[in-house]
Amino acid sequence: MTFKINKSIRKLTIVYLGSIGLIAVLVIFDQVARNYTFYTQSVAITIHLLILFLLAFQVFIIFNKATKKLEGFLNKITQTNEELKKSLTGQQDLEKELRRKAEELSSMNEVLQVGEERFRKLIEYNTAGIFIHDGQSIVYANPECTKILGYDMFKLFTTPLINIVHPDFRPQVEKKLAQMRKMKMKKTITFRADIQVIDGYGNSRWIDLTTSNAYEKSSFIATINDITERKLANDQLQEANKLIERRNEQLNLVLTQFKKQQEELIKQSEDLRLANEAISKSQEELERKNKIIERKNEDILASINYAKRIQQAILPTTEEIDRVLSDYFIMYKPLDIVSGDFYWVTRKHYKAIVAVVDCTGHGIPGAFMSLIGNDLLNEIVNTRNITSPELILEELRKDVQRVLRQGTTLVQDGMDIAICTIDQFPEEYKEILGKPKLEFAGAGNPIVLIQNNEIKYIRGDNIPIGGYHPRHTEKRFVKHTLFIDEPTTFYLFTDGYQDQFGVGENGKFGTRKLRELLLSIHQKPMEVQKAILEKTMQDWLEEPHRQIDDILVVGVKV
């Protein structure tokens, strides 16, 4: 820019010096011309003026061009200055904008940090277990995971994920994890299921698992909740529903067993049907019918309770038993209001006769069979004077088949029984009759005898009382004899006690455990033995276990 200005000044200087030179030439020319004539002088003046005009005009043209160029150049300088000012102003605005953006980014960073802290606290203090895994092992877990799974953080991160899953559920979980690893981020897959896991203490627990591959390419997020208590509650609810179903089945059996009640219900149902055809289906009529049904249910329940009183009435009273046995206990726990188990005690011909009977079923059907069994035992022993235990069972088998018309009907009900006789003859007869003895025979049910701290277990014969079985018609019951001139304790029982499911690893209480228990308590007073048996069964039937059968145990010391 400076170079262009200097060039223009040089041009003006040349024009100016040229003009001065021309003027000097003209002055010299003028002095010469003064020596010529006037005419010549006039022509010279004219030429002089003309040349002077031409020179002045040329100077004007050159100066005008230089002036225009200088003005154009100055305009460019002004325009450039304006552009520089605008550029400087834009740069300042840009700096302001950058500072504003930086402040916004700083503010957003603070917000993100606060949000990240809140998210971290949400994860850390969440009541659900939250963890991130790569399909093989856990890479992050919140504290709640350690509470639910029972692992510390180190063991949780070093234990393969599939090893935490219960073996029964591993194939299902492995299949779903493989599918999620294969899909990665191509498609979001969410897997949710109630599964069992093995916690850090080796216990089985139920969890609600939800896992998804919508986290990042190489990892998956999962949540877990402990639902063990909910599962147990559901199991208890199912058990309660089964109990309700069983009660309903018993109610149906009651309806079929009580013929008079059944006929009355049929009549009532017919009356209701006719009434429904005759009148409109109004709410009042429905309420009336419901009340009738409620009354009938109350009548049925009252009938069951009355049946209980009848059954209790046929059982020997404490006074009657005391006249026959001096030292004994009876543990009797029916499953329902009435029972299919019953005990029978009498004395005949200097013999005490004790029987423990388990009839088919429990509840109402068993109660009916117990009435039949009690009447038949009274007839066989007290009327027919049969006192040998194996002969009593032979007669009882034939009588049950006769009374229930077995062989010609579909009725196959019967009973298991253990029966024994104990010699109780006076002292003066001992020299004649010899040592007192105990005789036993059984149909399905056993006897346990303890003498001199040694236990003896005698099984009953595998011959049913009741039911028509042609292959058993030729079999005969066996009588077992044991002398009781030394202190002896014996026990008769149905299968109810040993068949109860409880807290043990093997399910049922079992005959072996019952024999061991009887051996350990046989020297204690009879009432104490009964209390121990009851407490043992009470402890055995802890939640969620329930009594599943009638229980009857009779113990006698002779």
Protein backbone atom coordinates (compact mmCIF):
# COMPACT_ATOMS: atom_id res chain seq x y z
CA MET A 1 0.00 0.00 0.00
CA THR A 2 2.89 2.45 0.82
CA PHE A 3 4.58 1.54 -2.48
CA LYS A 4 1.53 2.63 -4.48
CA ILE A 5 1.39 6.04 -2.68
CA ASN A 6 5.09 6.76 -3.35
CA LYS A 7 4.68 5.87 -7.05
CA SER A 8 1.85 8.41 -7.47
CA ILE A 9 3.92 11.15 -5.76
CA ARG A 10 6.84 10.46 -8.13
CA LYS A 11 4.52 10.87 -11.14
CA LEU A 12 3.29 14.26 -9.84
CA THR A 13 6.89 15.40 -9.29
CA ILE A 14 7.88 14.50 -12.87
CA VAL A 15 4.90 16.47 -14.24
CA TYR A 16 5.78 19.42 -12.07
CA LEU A 17 9.47 19.46 -13.12
CA GLY A 18 8.51 19.03 -16.79
CA SER A 19 6.23 22.02 -16.57
CA ILE A 20 8.99 24.16 -15.06
CA GLY A 21 11.37 23.09 -17.86
CA LEU A 22 8.85 24.05 -20.52
CA ILE A 23 8.30 27.40 -18.89
CA ALA A 24 12.08 28.01 -18.87
CA VAL A 25 12.26 27.14 -22.58
CA LEU A 26 9.41 29.54 -23.27
CA VAL A 27 11.15 32.34 -21.34
CA ILE A 28 14.34 31.82 -23.37
CA PHE A 29 12.30 31.66 -26.52
CA ASP A 30 10.61 34.90 -25.48
CA GLN A 31 13.90 36.73 -25.05
CA VAL A 32 15.04 35.67 -28.52
CA ALA A 33 11.77 36.71 -30.02
CA ARG A 34 12.11 40.28 -28.72
CA ASN A 35 14.85 40.92 -31.33
CA TYR A 36 12.55 40.13 -34.25
CA THR A 37 10.05 42.34 -35.80
CA PHE A 38 6.69 43.12 -34.38
CA TYR A 39 5.01 40.68 -36.71
CA THR A 40 7.35 38.01 -35.83
CA GLN A 41 6.84 38.98 -32.21
CA SER A 42 3.05 38.61 -32.51
CA VAL A 43 3.34 35.19 -34.09
CA ALA A 44 5.76 34.16 -31.44
CA ILE A 45 3.43 35.32 -28.69
CA THR A 46 0.57 33.42 -30.25
CA ILE A 47 2.65 30.26 -30.54
CA HIS A 48 3.93 30.82 -27.04
CA LEU A 49 0.40 31.10 -25.64
CA LEU A 50 -0.71 28.04 -27.60
CA ILE A 51 2.18 25.95 -26.33
CA LEU A 52 1.59 27.24 -22.82
CA PHE A 53 -2.08 26.24 -23.05
CA LEU A 54 -1.22 22.78 -24.34
CA LEU A 55 1.29 22.29 -21.61
CA ALA A 56 -1.14 23.48 -18.97
CA PHE A 57 -3.87 21.19 -20.38
CA GLN A 58 -1.51 18.20 -20.33
CA VAL A 59 -0.53 19.03 -16.77
CA PHE A 60 -4.22 19.23 -15.87
CA ILE A 61 -4.99 15.86 -17.47
CA ILE A 62 -2.05 14.15 -15.79
CA PHE A 63 -2.85 15.71 -12.42
CA ASN A 64 -6.55 14.77 -12.78
CA LYS A 65 -5.68 11.13 -13.48
CA ALA A 66 -3.30 11.03 -10.55
CA THR A 67 -5.92 12.60 -8.32
CA LYS A 68 -8.54 9.99 -9.33
CA LYS A 69 -6.11 7.14 -8.72
CA LEU A 70 -5.23 8.64 -5.33
CA GLU A 71 -8.93 8.96 -4.45
CA GLY A 72 -9.56 5.35 -5.51
CA PHE A 73 -6.62 4.18 -3.49
CA LEU A 74 -7.78 6.17 -0.44
CA ASN A 75 -11.27 4.64 -0.84
CA LYS A 76 -9.73 1.16 -0.85
CA ILE A 77 -7.76 2.05 2.28
CA THR A 78 -10.97 3.27 3.95
CA GLN A 79 -12.86 0.11 2.86
CA THR A 80 -10.04 -2.09 4.13
CA ASN A 81 -10.08 -0.26 7.48
CA GLU A 82 -13.85 -0.79 7.73
CA GLU A 83 -13.46 -4.49 6.96
CA LEU A 84 -10.73 -4.75 9.57
CA LYS A 85 -12.99 -3.06 12.11
CA LYS A 86 -15.84 -5.45 11.22
CA SER A 87 -13.47 -8.44 11.42
CA LEU A 88 -12.23 -7.26 14.81
CA THR A 89 -15.83 -6.80 16.04
CA GLY A 90 -16.78 -10.31 14.76
CA GLN A 91 -13.76 -11.82 16.51
CA GLN A 92 -14.81 -10.15 19.77
CA ASP A 93 -18.39 -11.46 19.32
CA LEU A 94 -16.97 -14.93 18.61
CA GLU A 95 -14.90 -14.75 21.78
CA LYS A 96 -18.00 -13.74 23.74
CA GLU A 97 -19.97 -16.63 22.18
CA LEU A 98 -17.16 -19.06 23.00
CA ARG A 99 -17.07 -17.81 26.60
CA ARG A 100 -20.89 -18.22 26.81
CA LYS A 101 -20.67 -21.76 25.38
CA ALA A 102 -17.90 -22.59 27.86
CA GLU A 103 -20.08 -21.35 30.74
CA GLU A 104 -23.03 -23.43 29.43
CA LEU A 105 -20.80 -26.52 29.16
CA SER A 106 -19.53 -25.94 32.70
CA SER A 107 -23.12 -25.62 33.97
CA MET A 108 -24.16 -28.75 32.06
CA ASN A 109 -21.16 -30.62 33.48
CA GLU A 110 -22.23 -29.68 37.02
CA VAL A 111 -25.79 -30.86 36.27
CA LEU A 112 -24.41 -34.12 34.86
CA GLN A 113 -22.24 -34.63 37.95
CA VAL A 114 -25.25 -34.05 40.23
CA GLY A 115 -27.34 -36.41 38.10
CA GLU A 116 -24.58 -39.02 38.13
CA GLU A 117 -24.34 -38.79 41.93
CA ARG A 118 -28.11 -39.14 42.27
CA PHE A 119 -28.10 -42.13 39.88
CA ARG A 120 -25.26 -43.72 41.88
CA LYS A 121 -27.19 -43.27 45.14
CA LEU A 122 -30.34 -44.63 43.46
CA ILE A 123 -28.41 -47.77 42.46
CA GLU A 124 -26.51 -48.13 45.75
CA TYR A 125 -29.54 -47.71 48.03
CA ASN A 126 -32.12 -49.50 45.84
CA THR A 127 -34.09 -52.26 47.61
CA ALA A 128 -33.66 -54.45 44.53
CA GLY A 129 -30.39 -56.15 43.67
CA ILE A 130 -28.88 -54.59 40.53
CA PHE A 131 -25.82 -55.97 38.77
CA ILE A 132 -24.05 -55.86 35.41
CA HIS A 133 -22.66 -59.03 33.85
CA ASP A 134 -20.98 -60.08 30.62
CA GLY A 135 -22.91 -63.33 30.35
CA GLN A 136 -20.16 -65.23 32.20
CA SER A 137 -19.55 -63.35 35.44
CA ILE A 138 -20.71 -60.30 37.39
CA VAL A 139 -18.67 -57.12 36.80
CA TYR A 140 -20.67 -54.73 39.00
CA ALA A 141 -23.22 -55.22 41.79
CA ASN A 142 -24.93 -52.93 44.28
CA PRO A 143 -24.87 -53.75 48.03
CA GLU A 144 -28.37 -55.24 47.93
CA CYS A 145 -27.04 -58.08 45.73
CA THR A 146 -24.73 -59.20 48.54
CA LYS A 147 -27.67 -59.25 50.97
CA ILE A 148 -29.93 -61.25 48.65
CA LEU A 149 -27.28 -63.72 47.39
CA GLY A 150 -25.24 -63.98 50.62
CA TYR A 151 -21.90 -63.36 48.87
CA ASP A 152 -19.33 -60.67 49.65
CA MET A 153 -18.28 -58.47 46.71
CA PHE A 154 -15.02 -60.35 46.03
CA LYS A 155 -16.69 -63.76 45.93
CA LEU A 156 -19.58 -62.34 43.90
CA PHE A 157 -17.20 -61.06 41.21
CA THR A 158 -15.04 -64.23 41.14
CA THR A 159 -17.86 -66.80 41.12
CA PRO A 160 -19.13 -67.75 37.62
CA LEU A 161 -22.64 -66.43 37.16
CA ILE A 162 -24.08 -69.83 36.23
CA ASN A 163 -22.67 -71.42 39.44
CA ILE A 164 -24.94 -69.17 41.50
CA VAL A 165 -28.01 -70.55 39.68
CA HIS A 166 -29.63 -73.68 41.14
CA PRO A 167 -28.79 -76.77 38.99
CA ASP A 168 -32.47 -77.28 38.12
CA PHE A 169 -32.59 -73.86 36.41
CA ARG A 170 -29.13 -73.73 34.79
CA PRO A 171 -30.16 -75.09 31.34
CA GLN A 172 -32.91 -72.47 31.05
CA VAL A 173 -30.63 -69.58 32.10
CA GLU A 174 -27.66 -70.75 29.95
CA LYS A 175 -29.89 -70.96 26.87
CA LYS A 176 -31.24 -67.43 27.35
CA LEU A 177 -27.79 -65.92 28.08
CA ALA A 178 -26.36 -67.55 24.94
CA GLN A 179 -29.21 -66.07 22.90
CA MET A 180 -28.58 -62.61 24.38
CA ARG A 181 -24.82 -62.82 23.69
CA LYS A 182 -25.51 -63.83 20.09
CA MET A 183 -27.92 -60.97 19.42
CA LYS A 184 -25.80 -58.35 21.29
CA MET A 185 -27.11 -54.93 20.17
CA LYS A 186 -28.95 -56.19 17.07
CA LYS A 187 -32.14 -56.74 19.00
CA THR A 188 -33.17 -55.99 22.57
CA ILE A 189 -33.98 -59.19 24.49
CA THR A 190 -35.36 -59.12 28.03
CA PHE A 191 -35.45 -62.33 30.06
CA ARG A 192 -37.60 -62.52 33.19
CA ALA A 193 -38.24 -65.61 35.33
CA ASP A 194 -38.66 -66.86 38.89
CA ILE A 195 -35.65 -69.10 39.52
CA GLN A 196 -33.82 -70.73 42.41
CA VAL A 197 -30.25 -69.80 43.33
CA ILE A 198 -27.69 -71.20 45.79
CA ASP A 199 -26.71 -68.41 48.18
CA GLY A 200 -23.31 -67.95 49.79
CA TYR A 201 -24.38 -70.13 52.75
CA GLY A 202 -25.35 -73.07 50.53
CA ASN A 203 -29.08 -72.51 50.96
CA SER A 204 -31.62 -72.52 48.15
CA ARG A 205 -33.49 -69.25 47.65
CA TRP A 206 -36.09 -68.03 45.17
CA ILE A 207 -35.45 -64.79 43.23
CA ASP A 208 -37.30 -62.78 40.61
CA LEU A 209 -34.66 -62.27 37.85
CA THR A 210 -34.90 -59.73 35.02
CA THR A 211 -31.94 -59.27 32.64
CA SER A 212 -31.61 -57.41 29.33
CA ASN A 213 -28.97 -56.86 26.66
CA ALA A 214 -30.06 -53.20 26.17
CA TYR A 215 -27.12 -51.84 28.21
CA GLU A 216 -23.99 -51.86 26.03
CA LYS A 217 -22.41 -54.12 23.42
CA SER A 218 -20.43 -56.36 25.76
CA SER A 219 -22.46 -56.20 28.99
CA PHE A 220 -25.97 -56.88 30.26
CA ILE A 221 -27.89 -55.34 33.15
CA ALA A 222 -29.98 -57.41 35.56
CA THR A 223 -32.20 -56.89 38.60
CA ILE A 224 -33.12 -59.42 41.30
CA ASN A 225 -35.63 -59.49 44.15
CA ASP A 226 -35.84 -62.07 46.95
CA ILE A 227 -39.23 -63.85 46.66
CA THR A 228 -38.48 -66.82 48.93
CA GLU A 229 -41.10 -65.84 51.50
CA ARG A 230 -43.65 -65.23 48.76
CA LYS A 231 -42.98 -68.71 47.35
CA LEU A 232 -43.38 -70.28 50.78
CA ALA A 233 -46.63 -68.37 51.23
CA ASN A 234 -47.83 -69.68 47.86
CA ASP A 235 -46.90 -73.23 48.89
CA GLN A 236 -48.83 -72.81 52.14
CA LEU A 237 -51.77 -71.43 50.17
CA GLN A 238 -51.68 -74.46 47.88
CA GLU A 239 -51.57 -76.73 50.94
CA ALA A 240 -54.56 -74.87 52.37
CA ASN A 241 -56.40 -75.27 49.06
CA LYS A 242 -55.64 -79.00 49.13
CA LEU A 243 -57.01 -79.16 52.66
CA ILE A 244 -60.16 -77.36 51.50
CA GLU A 245 -60.48 -79.80 48.60
CA ARG A 246 -60.07 -82.70 51.00
CA ARG A 247 -62.73 -81.25 53.29
CA ASN A 248 -65.02 -80.91 50.30
CA GLU A 249 -64.35 -84.52 49.35
CA GLN A 250 -65.18 -85.56 52.89
CA LEU A 251 -68.34 -83.52 52.69
CA ASN A 252 -69.30 -85.38 49.53
CA LEU A 253 -68.57 -88.67 51.29
CA VAL A 254 -70.80 -87.59 54.15
CA LEU A 255 -73.59 -86.89 51.70
CA THR A 256 -73.23 -90.36 50.21
CA GLN A 257 -72.90 -92.17 53.57
CA PHE A 258 -75.86 -90.66 55.33
CA LYS A 259 -78.69 -92.10 53.30
CA LYS A 260 -81.39 -90.27 55.13
CA GLN A 261 -79.60 -86.96 54.72
CA GLN A 262 -79.00 -87.72 51.07
CA GLU A 263 -82.66 -88.50 50.42
CA GLU A 264 -83.66 -85.31 52.17
CA LEU A 265 -81.21 -83.28 50.09
CA ILE A 266 -82.50 -84.89 46.90
CA LYS A 267 -86.04 -84.04 47.93
CA GLN A 268 -85.01 -80.49 48.75
CA SER A 269 -83.20 -80.21 45.41
CA GLU A 270 -86.29 -81.44 43.58
CA ASP A 271 -88.44 -78.97 45.48
CA LEU A 272 -86.03 -76.20 44.57
CA ARG A 273 -86.04 -77.25 40.92
CA LEU A 274 -89.84 -77.19 40.82
CA ALA A 275 -89.88 -73.87 42.63
CA ASN A 276 -87.37 -72.42 40.17
CA GLU A 277 -89.57 -73.46 37.27
CA ALA A 278 -92.63 -71.93 38.92
CA ILE A 279 -91.24 -68.55 40.00
CA SER A 280 -88.88 -65.98 38.53
CA LYS A 281 -85.20 -65.94 39.36
CA SER A 282 -85.47 -63.14 41.89
CA GLN A 283 -82.79 -62.22 44.37
CA GLU A 284 -85.03 -63.03 47.28
CA GLU A 285 -85.52 -66.55 45.97
CA LEU A 286 -81.78 -67.02 45.54
CA GLU A 287 -81.18 -65.82 49.09
CA ARG A 288 -83.82 -68.24 50.34
CA LYS A 289 -82.12 -71.11 48.54
CA ASN A 290 -78.74 -70.10 49.94
CA LYS A 291 -80.17 -70.12 53.44
CA ILE A 292 -81.56 -73.61 52.83
CA ILE A 293 -78.14 -74.80 51.68
CA GLU A 294 -76.49 -73.14 54.68
CA ARG A 295 -78.92 -74.88 57.00
CA LYS A 296 -78.20 -78.18 55.29
CA ASN A 297 -74.47 -77.63 55.68
CA GLU A 298 -75.06 -76.86 59.34
CA ASP A 299 -77.15 -80.02 59.60
CA ILE A 300 -74.37 -82.04 57.97
CA LEU A 301 -71.77 -80.56 60.32
CA ALA A 302 -74.08 -81.25 63.24
CA SER A 303 -74.46 -84.81 61.98
CA ILE A 304 -70.67 -85.22 61.84
CA ASN A 305 -70.35 -83.88 65.38
CA TYR A 306 -73.10 -86.25 66.46
CA ALA A 307 -71.22 -89.08 64.76
CA LYS A 308 -68.20 -88.05 66.83
CA ARG A 309 -70.23 -88.39 70.02
CA ILE A 310 -71.44 -91.80 68.86
CA GLN A 311 -67.88 -92.92 68.12
CA GLN A 312 -66.66 -91.65 71.48
CA ALA A 313 -69.52 -93.50 73.13
CA ILE A 314 -68.43 -96.87 71.68
CA LEU A 315 -64.83 -96.41 72.81
CA PRO A 316 -64.13 -97.90 76.24
CA THR A 317 -64.19 -95.32 79.02
CA THR A 318 -61.25 -94.66 81.35
CA GLU A 319 -63.09 -96.46 84.16
CA GLU A 320 -63.68 -99.51 81.96
CA ILE A 321 -60.02 -99.63 80.90
CA ASP A 322 -58.81 -99.16 84.49
CA ARG A 323 -60.73 -102.30 85.47
CA VAL A 324 -58.75 -104.25 82.86
CA LEU A 325 -55.31 -102.58 82.77
CA SER A 326 -53.43 -101.09 85.71
CA ASP A 327 -50.60 -99.18 84.03
CA TYR A 328 -51.12 -97.86 80.50
CA PHE A 329 -51.49 -94.80 78.25
CA ILE A 330 -53.49 -94.10 75.08
CA MET A 331 -52.37 -91.44 72.59
CA TYR A 332 -55.36 -90.83 70.32
CA LYS A 333 -55.26 -87.94 67.77
CA PRO A 334 -57.89 -88.16 65.00
CA LEU A 335 -57.10 -86.26 61.80
CA ASP A 336 -60.69 -85.06 61.41
CA ILE A 337 -63.72 -84.70 63.64
CA VAL A 338 -64.26 -88.45 63.54
CA SER A 339 -61.60 -91.10 63.09
CA GLY A 340 -60.95 -94.35 61.27
CA ASP A 341 -58.69 -95.55 64.11
CA PHE A 342 -60.11 -96.99 67.33
CA TYR A 343 -58.97 -99.00 70.36
CA TRP A 344 -60.84 -101.86 72.01
CA VAL A 345 -60.31 -103.29 75.51
CA THR A 346 -62.12 -106.06 77.39
CA ARG A 347 -61.57 -108.94 79.85
CA LYS A 348 -62.68 -112.49 79.18
CA HIS A 349 -61.81 -115.76 80.97
CA TYR A 350 -58.97 -114.25 83.05
CA LYS A 351 -57.52 -112.61 79.97
CA ALA A 352 -57.15 -108.92 79.21
CA ILE A 353 -57.70 -108.36 75.48
CA VAL A 354 -56.38 -105.18 73.83
CA ALA A 355 -56.81 -104.29 70.16
CA VAL A 356 -55.69 -101.31 68.06
CA VAL A 357 -57.55 -101.00 64.76
CA ASP A 358 -56.93 -98.86 61.64
CA CYS A 359 -59.96 -98.84 59.34
CA THR A 360 -59.88 -97.95 55.65
CA GLY A 361 -59.70 -94.17 55.21
CA HIS A 362 -60.27 -91.56 57.87
CA GLY A 363 -63.07 -89.15 58.62
CA ILE A 364 -66.64 -90.34 57.97
CA PRO A 365 -65.79 -93.51 55.94
CA GLY A 366 -63.31 -94.64 58.56
CA ALA A 367 -65.78 -93.85 61.33
CA PHE A 368 -68.41 -96.11 59.73
CA MET A 369 -65.90 -98.94 59.49
CA SER A 370 -64.90 -98.39 63.14
CA LEU A 371 -68.54 -98.87 64.20
CA ILE A 372 -68.67 -102.13 62.25
CA GLY A 373 -65.32 -103.33 63.65
CA ASN A 374 -66.27 -102.50 67.26
CA ASP A 375 -69.59 -104.38 67.00
CA LEU A 376 -67.96 -107.42 65.39
CA LEU A 377 -65.21 -107.61 68.05
CA ASN A 378 -67.84 -107.46 70.80
CA GLU A 379 -69.80 -110.26 69.15
CA ILE A 380 -66.76 -112.49 68.48
CA VAL A 381 -65.24 -112.20 71.99
CA ASN A 382 -68.15 -111.53 74.32
CA THR A 383 -70.86 -113.54 72.55
CA ARG A 384 -68.96 -116.34 70.80
CA ASN A 385 -66.36 -116.57 73.63
CA ILE A 386 -63.37 -116.64 71.26
CA THR A 387 -60.26 -115.31 73.04
CA SER A 388 -57.28 -116.58 71.07
CA PRO A 389 -55.98 -113.61 69.02
CA GLU A 390 -55.40 -115.45 65.73
CA LEU A 391 -58.92 -116.99 65.89
CA ILE A 392 -60.43 -113.59 66.65
CA LEU A 393 -58.81 -112.26 63.45
CA GLU A 394 -60.06 -115.23 61.40
CA GLU A 395 -63.62 -114.63 62.59
CA LEU A 396 -63.31 -110.88 62.06
CA ARG A 397 -62.13 -111.37 58.47
CA LYS A 398 -65.11 -113.59 57.62
CA ASP A 399 -67.59 -111.30 59.39
CA VAL A 400 -66.38 -108.14 57.60
CA GLN A 401 -66.70 -109.88 54.23
CA ARG A 402 -70.17 -111.06 55.20
CA VAL A 403 -71.45 -107.73 56.54
CA LEU A 404 -70.13 -105.73 53.57
CA ARG A 405 -71.16 -108.45 51.08
CA GLN A 406 -67.67 -108.53 49.66
CA GLY A 407 -67.21 -110.81 46.70
CA THR A 408 -70.62 -109.82 45.32
CA THR A 409 -70.31 -106.01 45.55
CA LEU A 410 -67.62 -103.47 44.73
CA VAL A 411 -67.05 -102.62 48.39
CA GLN A 412 -63.43 -103.45 49.27
CA ASP A 413 -63.12 -101.62 52.60
CA GLY A 414 -61.46 -103.27 55.56
CA MET A 415 -59.07 -102.71 58.46
CA ASP A 416 -55.59 -103.42 59.83
CA ILE A 417 -55.51 -104.66 63.41
CA ALA A 418 -53.05 -105.62 66.15
CA ILE A 419 -54.60 -107.65 69.00
CA CYS A 420 -53.07 -109.31 72.04
CA THR A 421 -54.24 -111.17 75.13
CA ILE A 422 -52.55 -110.95 78.56
CA ASP A 423 -53.01 -113.68 81.18
CA GLN A 424 -54.49 -112.24 84.40
CA PHE A 425 -55.40 -115.43 86.31
CA PRO A 426 -55.26 -115.45 90.15
CA GLU A 427 -52.11 -116.45 92.04
CA GLU A 428 -53.55 -119.82 93.04
CA TYR A 429 -53.84 -120.81 89.36
CA LYS A 430 -50.18 -120.11 88.51
CA GLU A 431 -48.99 -123.56 89.64
CA ILE A 432 -51.61 -125.14 87.41
CA LEU A 433 -51.45 -122.82 84.38
CA GLY A 434 -47.74 -122.00 84.52
CA LYS A 435 -46.08 -118.71 83.71
CA PRO A 436 -48.34 -115.88 82.55
CA LYS A 437 -47.98 -115.16 78.87
CA LEU A 438 -48.87 -112.60 76.23
CA GLU A 439 -50.30 -113.81 72.93
CA PHE A 440 -50.30 -111.62 69.80
CA ALA A 441 -51.68 -111.77 66.27
CA GLY A 442 -51.74 -109.01 63.70
CA ALA A 443 -53.28 -108.17 60.35
CA GLY A 444 -50.92 -105.54 58.96
CA ASN A 445 -50.21 -103.89 62.33
CA PRO A 446 -47.22 -104.91 64.55
CA ILE A 447 -46.41 -105.08 68.25
CA VAL A 448 -43.29 -103.78 70.03
CA LEU A 449 -42.26 -105.57 73.27
CA ILE A 450 -39.46 -104.50 75.61
CA GLN A 451 -38.21 -106.91 78.27
CA ASN A 452 -34.93 -106.64 80.22
CA ASN A 453 -34.09 -103.53 78.16
CA GLU A 454 -34.25 -105.58 74.94
CA ILE A 455 -36.72 -104.67 72.22
CA LYS A 456 -38.63 -107.13 70.07
CA TYR A 457 -40.58 -106.09 66.97
CA ILE A 458 -43.19 -108.55 65.64
CA ARG A 459 -44.86 -107.75 62.34
CA GLY A 460 -48.50 -108.51 61.67
CA ASP A 461 -49.39 -111.01 58.94
CA ASN A 462 -49.84 -109.69 55.43
CA ILE A 463 -53.46 -110.83 55.36
CA PRO A 464 -56.18 -108.19 54.97
CA ILE A 465 -59.27 -107.94 57.13
CA GLY A 466 -61.93 -107.08 54.57
CA GLY A 467 -61.86 -107.04 50.81
CA TYR A 468 -62.26 -110.12 48.70
CA HIS A 469 -58.84 -111.58 47.85
CA PRO A 470 -59.04 -115.20 46.59
CA ARG A 471 -55.26 -115.70 47.01
CA HIS A 472 -55.60 -115.00 50.76
CA THR A 473 -58.48 -117.37 51.47
CA GLU A 474 -56.15 -120.26 52.36
CA LYS A 475 -53.81 -118.21 54.56
CA ARG A 476 -54.15 -118.32 58.34
CA PHE A 477 -53.10 -115.84 60.99
CA VAL A 478 -50.10 -116.75 63.19
CA LYS A 479 -50.18 -116.50 66.98
CA HIS A 480 -47.01 -115.28 68.72
CA THR A 481 -46.49 -116.14 72.42
CA LEU A 482 -44.21 -114.40 74.94
CA PHE A 483 -43.89 -115.18 78.66
CA ILE A 484 -44.31 -112.12 80.87
CA ASP A 485 -43.14 -113.40 84.25
CA GLU A 486 -40.65 -110.50 84.15
CA PRO A 487 -41.57 -106.78 83.83
CA THR A 488 -42.65 -106.18 80.25
CA THR A 489 -43.78 -103.11 78.33
CA PHE A 490 -45.54 -103.50 75.01
CA TYR A 491 -46.92 -101.05 72.45
CA LEU A 492 -49.64 -101.40 69.85
CA PHE A 493 -50.05 -98.68 67.20
CA THR A 494 -51.51 -97.94 63.79
CA ASP A 495 -49.39 -96.57 60.94
CA GLY A 496 -50.38 -92.94 61.61
CA TYR A 497 -47.49 -91.96 63.90
CA GLN A 498 -44.65 -93.24 61.74
CA ASP A 499 -46.25 -92.07 58.45
CA GLN A 500 -46.32 -88.36 59.35
CA PHE A 501 -44.17 -86.11 57.16
CA GLY A 502 -42.08 -83.58 59.05
CA VAL A 503 -38.75 -81.83 59.45
CA GLY A 504 -36.55 -84.87 58.85
CA GLU A 505 -34.45 -85.38 55.72
CA ASN A 506 -36.17 -88.65 54.76
CA GLY A 507 -39.73 -87.39 54.83
CA LYS A 508 -41.67 -89.75 57.11
CA PHE A 509 -41.01 -90.24 60.83
CA GLY A 510 -40.53 -93.95 60.18
CA THR A 511 -40.88 -97.19 62.15
CA ARG A 512 -37.17 -97.38 63.07
CA LYS A 513 -37.22 -93.96 64.70
CA LEU A 514 -40.43 -94.85 66.57
CA ARG A 515 -38.87 -98.08 67.93
CA GLU A 516 -35.76 -96.18 69.09
CA LEU A 517 -37.97 -93.59 70.80
CA LEU A 518 -40.04 -96.28 72.57
CA LEU A 519 -36.90 -98.07 73.78
CA SER A 520 -35.51 -94.80 75.20
CA ILE A 521 -38.66 -93.99 77.22
CA HIS A 522 -40.09 -97.41 78.19
CA GLN A 523 -38.91 -97.22 81.81
CA LYS A 524 -40.56 -93.84 82.43
CA PRO A 525 -44.09 -93.52 83.90
CA MET A 526 -46.80 -94.08 81.35
CA GLU A 527 -48.15 -90.50 81.47
CA VAL A 528 -44.61 -89.20 80.92
CA GLN A 529 -44.19 -91.54 77.94
CA LYS A 530 -47.41 -90.23 76.43
CA ALA A 531 -46.28 -86.61 76.92
CA ILE A 532 -42.93 -87.34 75.24
CA LEU A 533 -44.63 -88.99 72.25
CA GLU A 534 -46.99 -86.02 71.87
CA LYS A 535 -44.18 -83.44 72.18
CA THR A 536 -41.99 -85.35 69.72
CA MET A 537 -44.76 -85.41 67.12
CA GLN A 538 -45.58 -81.76 67.76
CA ASP A 539 -41.96 -80.82 67.07
CA TRP A 540 -41.88 -83.10 64.03
CA LEU A 541 -44.94 -81.43 62.50
CA GLU A 542 -43.41 -77.96 62.29
CA GLU A 543 -44.60 -75.53 59.61
CA PRO A 544 -45.41 -76.10 56.84
CA HIS A 545 -46.12 -79.76 57.67
CA ARG A 546 -49.57 -80.90 58.73
CA GLN A 547 -50.97 -84.12 60.22
CA ILE A 548 -51.98 -86.40 57.34
CA ASP A 549 -53.49 -89.44 59.11
CA ASP A 550 -55.15 -90.55 62.34
CA ILE A 551 -52.64 -91.30 65.12
CA LEU A 552 -53.18 -94.05 67.73
CA VAL A 553 -50.52 -95.47 70.10
CA VAL A 554 -51.34 -97.69 73.12
CA GLY A 555 -48.67 -98.55 75.70
CA VAL A 556 -49.12 -101.13 78.52
CA LYS A 557 -46.86 -102.29 81.38
CA VAL A 558 -47.42 -105.78 82.80
